[in-house]
Amino acid sequence: MYSLSAIGILYLYLMRHSSVTRNAVLLVSLWPIAFVANIVRVIALVLITYYFGDAAGQGFFHGFAGIALFSIAIAMLFALDYVLGRPYPDKEVIDARKAV
């Protein structure tokens, strides 16, 4: 959860959205997104362990589920950012080179 939050904060820093509301909603949603992605990971590991045995649940699939957790969480963050981009668009940044 902490590493997903750190990646989300890094994403916010790199994107530098001009809307304070958009940034606040994304920041507040980091923990729920990480929580939902972690629930998906746990459910997947429980199902893998149930159907394929304890060795499969603690072997390759355990590491793969961690990678999938990050992928799901980042995809959810991107999707939320895209949805929030409609009502809270970024202001245009004037390029100094084009202004001359």
Foldseek 3Di string as FASTA:
>chain_A
DVVQLVVQVVVCVVVVFPDPVLSVVLNVCSVVLLVVLVVVLVVVLVVCCVPPHDCRSPPPSNVVSVVVSSVSSVVVSVVSSVVVCVVRPGDDDDDPVVVD
